[in-house]
Amino acid sequence: MTFLILLLVVAAALAAATVHLIRHDGLGPQRRPASHFEDTRFLSPLAR
């Protein structure tokens, strides 16, 4: 019985994490990290 309760708790936690990721996904582009620099060699000609 303890194993079943533990399994249910783990399943509920995974389901909650999945719902959280689904709701917070697709928030649009985020800013790049501060340590990232933009290499102009990889820009398209229209972006220069």
C-alpha atoms as a PDB file:
ATOM      1  CA  MET A   1       0.000   0.000   0.000  1.00  0.00           C
ATOM      2  CA  THR A   2       2.870   2.373   0.803  1.00  0.00           C
ATOM      3  CA  PHE A   3       4.407   1.701  -2.606  1.00  0.00           C
ATOM      4  CA  LEU A   4       1.118   2.543  -4.316  1.00  0.00           C
ATOM      5  CA  ILE A   5       0.820   5.839  -2.428  1.00  0.00           C
ATOM      6  CA  LEU A   6       4.430   6.707  -3.257  1.00  0.00           C
ATOM      7  CA  LEU A   7       3.819   5.865  -6.900  1.00  0.00           C
ATOM      8  CA  LEU A   8       0.712   8.059  -6.923  1.00  0.00           C
ATOM      9  CA  VAL A   9       2.637  10.969  -5.390  1.00  0.00           C
ATOM     10  CA  VAL A  10       5.386  10.667  -8.016  1.00  0.00           C
ATOM     11  CA  ALA A  11       2.820  10.443 -10.827  1.00  0.00           C
ATOM     12  CA  ALA A  12       0.983  13.511  -9.509  1.00  0.00           C
ATOM     13  CA  ALA A  13       4.238  15.476  -9.271  1.00  0.00           C
ATOM     14  CA  LEU A  14       5.172  14.555 -12.843  1.00  0.00           C
ATOM     15  CA  ALA A  15       1.710  15.485 -14.091  1.00  0.00           C
ATOM     16  CA  ALA A  16       1.905  18.846 -12.307  1.00  0.00           C
ATOM     17  CA  ALA A  17       5.342  19.524 -13.784  1.00  0.00           C
ATOM     18  CA  THR A  18       4.072  18.642 -17.252  1.00  0.00           C
ATOM     19  CA  VAL A  19       1.101  20.988 -16.945  1.00  0.00           C
ATOM     20  CA  HIS A  20       3.425  23.734 -15.689  1.00  0.00           C
ATOM     21  CA  LEU A  21       5.746  23.299 -18.687  1.00  0.00           C
ATOM     22  CA  ILE A  22       2.826  23.262 -21.109  1.00  0.00           C
ATOM     23  CA  ARG A  23       1.366  26.467 -19.688  1.00  0.00           C
ATOM     24  CA  HIS A  24       4.685  28.336 -19.631  1.00  0.00           C
ATOM     25  CA  ASP A  25       5.997  27.237 -23.001  1.00  0.00           C
ATOM     26  CA  GLY A  26       5.866  29.473 -26.037  1.00  0.00           C
ATOM     27  CA  LEU A  27       6.290  32.805 -24.279  1.00  0.00           C
ATOM     28  CA  GLY A  28       8.115  34.178 -27.275  1.00  0.00           C
ATOM     29  CA  PRO A  29      11.773  34.905 -27.767  1.00  0.00           C
ATOM     30  CA  GLN A  30      13.792  35.536 -24.680  1.00  0.00           C
ATOM     31  CA  ARG A  31      16.799  37.790 -24.506  1.00  0.00           C
ATOM     32  CA  ARG A  32      20.143  36.195 -25.117  1.00  0.00           C
ATOM     33  CA  PRO A  33      22.491  35.529 -22.203  1.00  0.00           C
ATOM     34  CA  ALA A  34      24.781  38.375 -21.186  1.00  0.00           C
ATOM     35  CA  SER A  35      27.836  36.285 -22.070  1.00  0.00           C
ATOM     36  CA  HIS A  36      26.637  35.813 -25.662  1.00  0.00           C
ATOM     37  CA  PHE A  37      28.009  38.025 -28.381  1.00  0.00           C
ATOM     38  CA  GLU A  38      26.534  38.333 -31.846  1.00  0.00           C
ATOM     39  CA  ASP A  39      28.900  37.163 -34.543  1.00  0.00           C
ATOM     40  CA  THR A  40      28.264  39.226 -37.669  1.00  0.00           C
ATOM     41  CA  ARG A  41      29.570  36.441 -39.909  1.00  0.00           C
ATOM     42  CA  PHE A  42      26.380  34.500 -39.240  1.00  0.00           C
ATOM     43  CA  LEU A  43      23.885  37.314 -39.857  1.00  0.00           C
ATOM     44  CA  SER A  44      21.780  37.347 -42.958  1.00  0.00           C
ATOM     45  CA  PRO A  45      22.576  40.085 -45.471  1.00  0.00           C
ATOM     46  CA  LEU A  46      19.285  41.847 -44.677  1.00  0.00           C
ATOM     47  CA  ALA A  47      20.056  41.942 -40.942  1.00  0.00           C
ATOM     48  CA  ARG A  48      23.347  43.823 -41.423  1.00  0.00           C
END
